[in-house]
Structure formats: structure tokens, C-alpha cells
Amino acid sequence: MGWIKFNIDGAARDYLRIVAYVGLFKGSISKYIGNFSFMGTQNSLFTEVMGAILAFEHSCADGFRRLWLKCDSSLVSKAFSSPLVVP
């Protein structure tokens, strides 16, 4: 209870080509809360990291302080591996 889960995923066509990422926020009983998306030109690492950063920014701006990140990037998972509880 009290946790917000956000799933993020990014995709890149080629190294410095078209990229996109999307995030989906759900509450403790899988209730839809919101989402975000972005398209542009960058590389795949930028796409994955910015997806996580935007998810944290949107969550905090909406007043959520217990955040659970789920993504398929091992680099992003390691960077944000410990539970983040914002005071």
C-alpha cells in the first residue's frame, strides 16, 4: 500500500536515430494513474535513462513519495537499484 509502480520502456531504431519512450503509472491495486511519452532523435542509452528520470519527476510532481521502477534496461535498473523513498 502507498507505492506507485511505473513501467517504462524505450526503443531506438539505429544508434543516433529516431527514439521513443513511454511510462505508465499504476497504484497499489493496479489502478491506472497516468502516463507519459516522448519521441525524438537521440541514442538508446539516453532513451532509457530519460524515461526513468521523467518517471521520477512526474511521480514527485504529483506528490507520490514511494516509487517502484520497472524496466528492461539492466543499466537503468542498476543505477536505480535501491528503493527510493523521497522525504
PDB file of N, CA and C in Angstrom:
ATOM      1  N   MET A   1       0.842  -1.186   0.000  1.00  0.00           N
ATOM      2  CA  MET A   1       0.000   0.000   0.000  1.00  0.00           C
ATOM      3  C   MET A   1       0.886   1.248   0.000  1.00  0.00           C
ATOM      4  N   GLY A   2       0.441   2.258  -0.684  1.00  0.00           N
ATOM      5  CA  GLY A   2       1.155   3.522  -0.698  1.00  0.00           C
ATOM      6  C   GLY A   2       2.259   3.636  -1.734  1.00  0.00           C
ATOM      7  N   TRP A   3       2.502   2.583  -2.484  1.00  0.00           N
ATOM      8  CA  TRP A   3       3.547   2.609  -3.504  1.00  0.00           C
ATOM      9  C   TRP A   3       2.939   2.880  -4.873  1.00  0.00           C
ATOM     10  N   ILE A   4       3.677   3.610  -5.700  1.00  0.00           N
ATOM     11  CA  ILE A   4       3.306   3.830  -7.092  1.00  0.00           C
ATOM     12  C   ILE A   4       4.307   3.077  -7.945  1.00  0.00           C
ATOM     13  N   LYS A   5       3.807   2.253  -8.832  1.00  0.00           N
ATOM     14  CA  LYS A   5       4.669   1.484  -9.732  1.00  0.00           C
ATOM     15  C   LYS A   5       4.642   2.141 -11.101  1.00  0.00           C
ATOM     16  N   PHE A   6       5.806   2.330 -11.677  1.00  0.00           N
ATOM     17  CA  PHE A   6       5.816   2.809 -13.050  1.00  0.00           C
ATOM     18  C   PHE A   6       6.680   1.919 -13.908  1.00  0.00           C
ATOM     19  N   ASN A   7       6.091   1.520 -15.019  1.00  0.00           N
ATOM     20  CA  ASN A   7       6.761   0.700 -16.025  1.00  0.00           C
ATOM     21  C   ASN A   7       7.230   1.640 -17.122  1.00  0.00           C
ATOM     22  N   ILE A   8       8.484   1.518 -17.513  1.00  0.00           N
ATOM     23  CA  ILE A   8       8.999   2.346 -18.601  1.00  0.00           C
ATOM     24  C   ILE A   8       9.654   1.454 -19.647  1.00  0.00           C
ATOM     25  N   ASP A   9       9.678   1.944 -20.863  1.00  0.00           N
ATOM     26  CA  ASP A   9      10.379   1.233 -21.920  1.00  0.00           C
ATOM     27  C   ASP A   9      10.782   2.238 -22.980  1.00  0.00           C
ATOM     28  N   GLY A  10      11.937   2.026 -23.556  1.00  0.00           N
ATOM     29  CA  GLY A  10      12.439   2.883 -24.615  1.00  0.00           C
ATOM     30  C   GLY A  10      12.834   2.049 -25.811  1.00  0.00           C
ATOM     31  N   ALA A  11      12.839   2.684 -26.962  1.00  0.00           N
ATOM     32  CA  ALA A  11      13.236   1.984 -28.183  1.00  0.00           C
ATOM     33  C   ALA A  11      13.965   2.959 -29.091  1.00  0.00           C
ATOM     34  N   ALA A  12      14.972   2.445 -29.785  1.00  0.00           N
ATOM     35  CA  ALA A  12      15.734   3.258 -30.735  1.00  0.00           C
ATOM     36  C   ALA A  12      15.883   2.466 -32.023  1.00  0.00           C
ATOM     37  N   ARG A  13      15.716   3.126 -33.145  1.00  0.00           N
ATOM     38  CA  ARG A  13      15.807   2.429 -34.431  1.00  0.00           C
ATOM     39  C   ARG A  13      17.253   2.130 -34.798  1.00  0.00           C
ATOM     40  N   ASP A  14      18.112   3.114 -34.789  1.00  0.00           N
ATOM     41  CA  ASP A  14      19.536   2.958 -35.025  1.00  0.00           C
ATOM     42  C   ASP A  14      20.257   3.757 -33.952  1.00  0.00           C
ATOM     43  N   TYR A  15      21.586   3.775 -33.983  1.00  0.00           N
ATOM     44  CA  TYR A  15      22.332   4.401 -32.890  1.00  0.00           C
ATOM     45  C   TYR A  15      21.935   5.859 -32.646  1.00  0.00           C
ATOM     46  N   LEU A  16      21.980   6.728 -33.607  1.00  0.00           N
ATOM     47  CA  LEU A  16      21.560   8.123 -33.417  1.00  0.00           C
ATOM     48  C   LEU A  16      20.383   8.443 -34.331  1.00  0.00           C
ATOM     49  N   ARG A  17      19.326   7.736 -34.127  1.00  0.00           N
ATOM     50  CA  ARG A  17      18.163   7.880 -34.992  1.00  0.00           C
ATOM     51  C   ARG A  17      16.916   8.194 -34.166  1.00  0.00           C
ATOM     52  N   ILE A  18      15.801   7.808 -34.667  1.00  0.00           N
ATOM     53  CA  ILE A  18      14.528   8.078 -34.005  1.00  0.00           C
ATOM     54  C   ILE A  18      14.400   7.194 -32.763  1.00  0.00           C
ATOM     55  N   VAL A  19      14.026   7.819 -31.648  1.00  0.00           N
ATOM     56  CA  VAL A  19      13.841   7.095 -30.397  1.00  0.00           C
ATOM     57  C   VAL A  19      12.469   7.440 -29.818  1.00  0.00           C
ATOM     58  N   ALA A  20      12.015   6.579 -28.921  1.00  0.00           N
ATOM     59  CA  ALA A  20      10.761   6.823 -28.222  1.00  0.00           C
ATOM     60  C   ALA A  20      10.824   6.133 -26.871  1.00  0.00           C
ATOM     61  N   TYR A  21      10.169   6.718 -25.891  1.00  0.00           N
ATOM     62  CA  TYR A  21       9.994   6.027 -24.623  1.00  0.00           C
ATOM     63  C   TYR A  21       8.633   6.372 -24.058  1.00  0.00           C
ATOM     64  N   VAL A  22       8.174   5.496 -23.203  1.00  0.00           N
ATOM     65  CA  VAL A  22       6.843   5.644 -22.635  1.00  0.00           C
ATOM     66  C   VAL A  22       6.869   5.156 -21.193  1.00  0.00           C
ATOM     67  N   GLY A  23       6.063   5.759 -20.351  1.00  0.00           N
ATOM     68  CA  GLY A  23       5.944   5.344 -18.968  1.00  0.00           C
ATOM     69  C   GLY A  23       4.481   5.217 -18.585  1.00  0.00           C
ATOM     70  N   LEU A  24       4.165   4.268 -17.729  1.00  0.00           N
ATOM     71  CA  LEU A  24       2.807   4.017 -17.278  1.00  0.00           C
ATOM     72  C   LEU A  24       2.823   3.927 -15.761  1.00  0.00           C
ATOM     73  N   PHE A  25       1.963   4.692 -15.092  1.00  0.00           N
ATOM     74  CA  PHE A  25       1.883   4.721 -13.637  1.00  0.00           C
ATOM     75  C   PHE A  25       0.675   3.937 -13.159  1.00  0.00           C
ATOM     76  N   LYS A  26       0.883   3.082 -12.144  1.00  0.00           N
ATOM     77  CA  LYS A  26      -0.208   2.324 -11.551  1.00  0.00           C
ATOM     78  C   LYS A  26      -0.118   2.417 -10.035  1.00  0.00           C
ATOM     79  N   GLY A  27      -1.267   2.393  -9.388  1.00  0.00           N
ATOM     80  CA  GLY A  27      -1.323   2.429  -7.936  1.00  0.00           C
ATOM     81  C   GLY A  27      -1.198   1.047  -7.334  1.00  0.00           C
ATOM     82  N   SER A  28      -1.403   0.962  -6.017  1.00  0.00           N
ATOM     83  CA  SER A  28      -1.168  -0.286  -5.292  1.00  0.00           C
ATOM     84  C   SER A  28      -2.158  -1.392  -5.658  1.00  0.00           C
ATOM     85  N   ILE A  29      -3.298  -1.066  -6.212  1.00  0.00           N
ATOM     86  CA  ILE A  29      -4.243  -2.109  -6.634  1.00  0.00           C
ATOM     87  C   ILE A  29      -4.378  -2.112  -8.159  1.00  0.00           C
ATOM     88  N   SER A  30      -3.277  -1.790  -8.846  1.00  0.00           N
ATOM     89  CA  SER A  30      -3.188  -1.761 -10.313  1.00  0.00           C
ATOM     90  C   SER A  30      -4.121  -0.740 -10.956  1.00  0.00           C
ATOM     91  N   LYS A  31      -4.483   0.289 -10.214  1.00  0.00           N
ATOM     92  CA  LYS A  31      -5.329   1.345 -10.755  1.00  0.00           C
ATOM     93  C   LYS A  31      -4.485   2.274 -11.628  1.00  0.00           C
ATOM     94  N   TYR A  32      -4.956   2.537 -12.845  1.00  0.00           N
ATOM     95  CA  TYR A  32      -4.250   3.440 -13.768  1.00  0.00           C
ATOM     96  C   TYR A  32      -4.224   4.844 -13.176  1.00  0.00           C
ATOM     97  N   ILE A  33      -3.028   5.455 -13.172  1.00  0.00           N
ATOM     98  CA  ILE A  33      -2.877   6.813 -12.644  1.00  0.00           C
ATOM     99  C   ILE A  33      -2.508   7.784 -13.757  1.00  0.00           C
ATOM    100  N   GLY A  34      -1.601   7.404 -14.638  1.00  0.00           N
ATOM    101  CA  GLY A  34      -1.201   8.308 -15.707  1.00  0.00           C
ATOM    102  C   GLY A  34      -0.122   7.703 -16.579  1.00  0.00           C
ATOM    103  N   ASN A  35       0.313   8.483 -17.570  1.00  0.00           N
ATOM    104  CA  ASN A  35       1.375   8.019 -18.454  1.00  0.00           C
ATOM    105  C   ASN A  35       2.099   9.213 -19.063  1.00  0.00           C
ATOM    106  N   PHE A  36       3.205   8.940 -19.736  1.00  0.00           N
ATOM    107  CA  PHE A  36       3.932   9.955 -20.485  1.00  0.00           C
ATOM    108  C   PHE A  36       4.624   9.274 -21.654  1.00  0.00           C
ATOM    109  N   SER A  37       4.989  10.064 -22.656  1.00  0.00           N
ATOM    110  CA  SER A  37       5.714   9.516 -23.796  1.00  0.00           C
ATOM    111  C   SER A  37       6.547  10.610 -24.435  1.00  0.00           C
ATOM    112  N   PHE A  38       7.530  10.203 -25.230  1.00  0.00           N
ATOM    113  CA  PHE A  38       8.420  11.133 -25.895  1.00  0.00           C
ATOM    114  C   PHE A  38       8.932  10.486 -27.176  1.00  0.00           C
ATOM    115  N   MET A  39       9.081  11.280 -28.215  1.00  0.00           N
ATOM    116  CA  MET A  39       9.751  10.827 -29.440  1.00  0.00           C
ATOM    117  C   MET A  39      10.752  11.901 -29.841  1.00  0.00           C
ATOM    118  N   GLY A  40      11.880  11.505 -30.379  1.00  0.00           N
ATOM    119  CA  GLY A  40      12.898  12.451 -30.806  1.00  0.00           C
ATOM    120  C   GLY A  40      14.051  11.728 -31.477  1.00  0.00           C
ATOM    121  N   THR A  41      15.188  12.405 -31.540  1.00  0.00           N
ATOM    122  CA  THR A  41      16.394  11.789 -32.094  1.00  0.00           C
ATOM    123  C   THR A  41      17.484  11.828 -31.035  1.00  0.00           C
ATOM    124  N   GLN A  42      17.910  10.677 -30.607  1.00  0.00           N
ATOM    125  CA  GLN A  42      18.960  10.501 -29.601  1.00  0.00           C
ATOM    126  C   GLN A  42      19.478   9.082 -29.744  1.00  0.00           C
ATOM    127  N   ASN A  43      20.255   8.627 -28.757  1.00  0.00           N
ATOM    128  CA  ASN A  43      20.704   7.235 -28.772  1.00  0.00           C
ATOM    129  C   ASN A  43      19.900   6.407 -27.767  1.00  0.00           C
ATOM    130  N   SER A  44      20.064   5.105 -27.793  1.00  0.00           N
ATOM    131  CA  SER A  44      19.243   4.218 -26.968  1.00  0.00           C
ATOM    132  C   SER A  44      19.501   4.387 -25.475  1.00  0.00           C
ATOM    133  N   LEU A  45      20.739   4.642 -25.068  1.00  0.00           N
ATOM    134  CA  LEU A  45      21.022   4.845 -23.646  1.00  0.00           C
ATOM    135  C   LEU A  45      20.302   6.081 -23.130  1.00  0.00           C
ATOM    136  N   PHE A  46      20.354   7.169 -23.875  1.00  0.00           N
ATOM    137  CA  PHE A  46      19.638   8.383 -23.497  1.00  0.00           C
ATOM    138  C   PHE A  46      18.148   8.083 -23.324  1.00  0.00           C
ATOM    139  N   THR A  47      17.605   7.314 -24.232  1.00  0.00           N
ATOM    140  CA  THR A  47      16.184   6.984 -24.197  1.00  0.00           C
ATOM    141  C   THR A  47      15.806   6.284 -22.901  1.00  0.00           C
ATOM    142  N   GLU A  48      16.558   5.266 -22.506  1.00  0.00           N
ATOM    143  CA  GLU A  48      16.244   4.513 -21.296  1.00  0.00           C
ATOM    144  C   GLU A  48      16.419   5.354 -20.030  1.00  0.00           C
ATOM    145  N   VAL A  49      17.510   6.100 -19.943  1.00  0.00           N
ATOM    146  CA  VAL A  49      17.776   6.908 -18.755  1.00  0.00           C
ATOM    147  C   VAL A  49      16.755   8.040 -18.625  1.00  0.00           C
ATOM    148  N   MET A  50      16.448   8.728 -19.719  1.00  0.00           N
ATOM    149  CA  MET A  50      15.476   9.814 -19.661  1.00  0.00           C
ATOM    150  C   MET A  50      14.083   9.300 -19.320  1.00  0.00           C
ATOM    151  N   GLY A  51      13.749   8.102 -19.742  1.00  0.00           N
ATOM    152  CA  GLY A  51      12.469   7.521 -19.350  1.00  0.00           C
ATOM    153  C   GLY A  51      12.373   7.373 -17.842  1.00  0.00           C
ATOM    154  N   ALA A  52      13.451   6.906 -17.208  1.00  0.00           N
ATOM    155  CA  ALA A  52      13.466   6.760 -15.750  1.00  0.00           C
ATOM    156  C   ALA A  52      13.422   8.118 -15.060  1.00  0.00           C
ATOM    157  N   ILE A  53      14.200   9.069 -15.539  1.00  0.00           N
ATOM    158  CA  ILE A  53      14.222  10.399 -14.925  1.00  0.00           C
ATOM    159  C   ILE A  53      12.846  11.057 -15.018  1.00  0.00           C
ATOM    160  N   LEU A  54      12.222  10.987 -16.187  1.00  0.00           N
ATOM    161  CA  LEU A  54      10.891  11.574 -16.333  1.00  0.00           C
ATOM    162  C   LEU A  54       9.863  10.885 -15.445  1.00  0.00           C
ATOM    163  N   ALA A  55       9.980   9.585 -15.276  1.00  0.00           N
ATOM    164  CA  ALA A  55       9.057   8.870 -14.398  1.00  0.00           C
ATOM    165  C   ALA A  55       9.193   9.376 -12.965  1.00  0.00           C
ATOM    166  N   PHE A  56      10.427   9.560 -12.496  1.00  0.00           N
ATOM    167  CA  PHE A  56      10.631  10.093 -11.153  1.00  0.00           C
ATOM    168  C   PHE A  56      10.104  11.518 -11.037  1.00  0.00           C
ATOM    169  N   GLU A  57      10.373  12.343 -12.028  1.00  0.00           N
ATOM    170  CA  GLU A  57       9.910  13.730 -11.985  1.00  0.00           C
ATOM    171  C   GLU A  57       8.386  13.815 -11.954  1.00  0.00           C
ATOM    172  N   HIS A  58       7.722  13.060 -12.811  1.00  0.00           N
ATOM    173  CA  HIS A  58       6.262  13.083 -12.835  1.00  0.00           C
ATOM    174  C   HIS A  58       5.677  12.558 -11.531  1.00  0.00           C
ATOM    175  N   SER A  59       6.249  11.512 -10.984  1.00  0.00           N
ATOM    176  CA  SER A  59       5.750  10.945  -9.731  1.00  0.00           C
ATOM    177  C   SER A  59       5.872  11.941  -8.590  1.00  0.00           C
ATOM    178  N   CYS A  60       7.031  12.540  -8.469  1.00  0.00           N
ATOM    179  CA  CYS A  60       7.259  13.500  -7.383  1.00  0.00           C
ATOM    180  C   CYS A  60       6.403  14.745  -7.542  1.00  0.00           C
ATOM    181  N   ALA A  61       6.242  15.208  -8.778  1.00  0.00           N
ATOM    182  CA  ALA A  61       5.418  16.389  -9.024  1.00  0.00           C
ATOM    183  C   ALA A  61       3.956  16.134  -8.645  1.00  0.00           C
ATOM    184  N   ASP A  62       3.512  14.889  -8.764  1.00  0.00           N
ATOM    185  CA  ASP A  62       2.140  14.539  -8.402  1.00  0.00           C
ATOM    186  C   ASP A  62       1.996  14.177  -6.929  1.00  0.00           C
ATOM    187  N   GLY A  63       3.082  14.277  -6.162  1.00  0.00           N
ATOM    188  CA  GLY A  63       3.017  14.043  -4.727  1.00  0.00           C
ATOM    189  C   GLY A  63       3.258  12.620  -4.286  1.00  0.00           C
ATOM    190  N   PHE A  64       3.645  11.733  -5.178  1.00  0.00           N
ATOM    191  CA  PHE A  64       3.917  10.351  -4.799  1.00  0.00           C
ATOM    192  C   PHE A  64       5.340  10.253  -4.261  1.00  0.00           C
ATOM    193  N   ARG A  65       5.510   9.609  -3.123  1.00  0.00           N
ATOM    194  CA  ARG A  65       6.818   9.551  -2.476  1.00  0.00           C
ATOM    195  C   ARG A  65       7.412   8.153  -2.399  1.00  0.00           C
ATOM    196  N   ARG A  66       6.638   7.132  -2.661  1.00  0.00           N
ATOM    197  CA  ARG A  66       7.142   5.750  -2.668  1.00  0.00           C
ATOM    198  C   ARG A  66       7.015   5.233  -4.090  1.00  0.00           C
ATOM    199  N   LEU A  67       8.154   5.072  -4.739  1.00  0.00           N
ATOM    200  CA  LEU A  67       8.177   4.803  -6.170  1.00  0.00           C
ATOM    201  C   LEU A  67       8.851   3.465  -6.469  1.00  0.00           C
ATOM    202  N   TRP A  68       8.275   2.711  -7.390  1.00  0.00           N
ATOM    203  CA  TRP A  68       8.822   1.426  -7.801  1.00  0.00           C
ATOM    204  C   TRP A  68       8.983   1.457  -9.314  1.00  0.00           C
ATOM    205  N   LEU A  69      10.234   1.386  -9.776  1.00  0.00           N
ATOM    206  CA  LEU A  69      10.559   1.451 -11.195  1.00  0.00           C
ATOM    207  C   LEU A  69      10.704   0.046 -11.767  1.00  0.00           C
ATOM    208  N   LYS A  70      10.072  -0.203 -12.892  1.00  0.00           N
ATOM    209  CA  LYS A  70      10.224  -1.486 -13.579  1.00  0.00           C
ATOM    210  C   LYS A  70      10.563  -1.189 -15.034  1.00  0.00           C
ATOM    211  N   CYS A  71      11.720  -1.727 -15.486  1.00  0.00           N
ATOM    212  CA  CYS A  71      12.137  -1.505 -16.872  1.00  0.00           C
ATOM    213  C   CYS A  71      12.970  -2.695 -17.334  1.00  0.00           C
ATOM    214  N   ASP A  72      13.289  -2.702 -18.640  1.00  0.00           N
ATOM    215  CA  ASP A  72      14.052  -3.827 -19.193  1.00  0.00           C
ATOM    216  C   ASP A  72      15.517  -3.480 -19.450  1.00  0.00           C
ATOM    217  N   SER A  73      15.967  -2.334 -18.989  1.00  0.00           N
ATOM    218  CA  SER A  73      17.367  -1.930 -19.164  1.00  0.00           C
ATOM    219  C   SER A  73      18.166  -2.288 -17.912  1.00  0.00           C
ATOM    220  N   SER A  74      19.160  -3.145 -18.055  1.00  0.00           N
ATOM    221  CA  SER A  74      19.964  -3.529 -16.893  1.00  0.00           C
ATOM    222  C   SER A  74      20.760  -2.347 -16.362  1.00  0.00           C
ATOM    223  N   LEU A  75      21.205  -1.446 -17.215  1.00  0.00           N
ATOM    224  CA  LEU A  75      21.948  -0.270 -16.770  1.00  0.00           C
ATOM    225  C   LEU A  75      21.072   0.642 -15.924  1.00  0.00           C
ATOM    226  N   VAL A  76      19.868   0.911 -16.368  1.00  0.00           N
ATOM    227  CA  VAL A  76      18.948   1.752 -15.606  1.00  0.00           C
ATOM    228  C   VAL A  76      18.556   1.057 -14.307  1.00  0.00           C
ATOM    229  N   SER A  77      18.315  -0.247 -14.362  1.00  0.00           N
ATOM    230  CA  SER A  77      17.969  -0.990 -13.149  1.00  0.00           C
ATOM    231  C   SER A  77      19.072  -0.910 -12.105  1.00  0.00           C
ATOM    232  N   LYS A  78      20.323  -1.022 -12.536  1.00  0.00           N
ATOM    233  CA  LYS A  78      21.444  -0.925 -11.598  1.00  0.00           C
ATOM    234  C   LYS A  78      21.594   0.487 -11.054  1.00  0.00           C
ATOM    235  N   ALA A  79      21.361   1.477 -11.894  1.00  0.00           N
ATOM    236  CA  ALA A  79      21.505   2.873 -11.466  1.00  0.00           C
ATOM    237  C   ALA A  79      20.473   3.232 -10.401  1.00  0.00           C
ATOM    238  N   PHE A  80      19.293   2.637 -10.488  1.00  0.00           N
ATOM    239  CA  PHE A  80      18.218   2.927  -9.550  1.00  0.00           C
ATOM    240  C   PHE A  80      17.841   1.677  -8.756  1.00  0.00           C
ATOM    241  N   SER A  81      18.827   0.904  -8.311  1.00  0.00           N
ATOM    242  CA  SER A  81      18.563  -0.414  -7.732  1.00  0.00           C
ATOM    243  C   SER A  81      18.012  -0.381  -6.311  1.00  0.00           C
ATOM    244  N   SER A  82      18.337   0.593  -5.504  1.00  0.00           N
ATOM    245  CA  SER A  82      17.840   0.601  -4.139  1.00  0.00           C
ATOM    246  C   SER A  82      16.488   1.310  -4.106  1.00  0.00           C
ATOM    247  N   PRO A  83      15.613   0.929  -3.157  1.00  0.00           N
ATOM    248  CA  PRO A  83      14.312   1.601  -3.076  1.00  0.00           C
ATOM    249  C   PRO A  83      14.498   3.093  -2.847  1.00  0.00           C
ATOM    250  N   LEU A  84      13.723   3.869  -3.551  1.00  0.00           N
ATOM    251  CA  LEU A  84      13.803   5.318  -3.436  1.00  0.00           C
ATOM    252  C   LEU A  84      12.550   5.808  -2.743  1.00  0.00           C
ATOM    253  N   VAL A  85      12.716   6.344  -1.552  1.00  0.00           N
ATOM    254  CA  VAL A  85      11.616   6.962  -0.817  1.00  0.00           C
ATOM    255  C   VAL A  85      11.988   8.407  -0.630  1.00  0.00           C
ATOM    256  N   VAL A  86      11.215   9.285  -1.240  1.00  0.00           N
ATOM    257  CA  VAL A  86      11.507  10.710  -1.183  1.00  0.00           C
ATOM    258  C   VAL A  86      10.863  11.300   0.065  1.00  0.00           C
ATOM    259  N   PRO A  87      11.633  12.031   0.890  1.00  0.00           N
ATOM    260  CA  PRO A  87      11.056  12.602   2.116  1.00  0.00           C
ATOM    261  C   PRO A  87      10.014  13.664   1.829  1.00  0.00           C
TER     262      PRO A  87
END
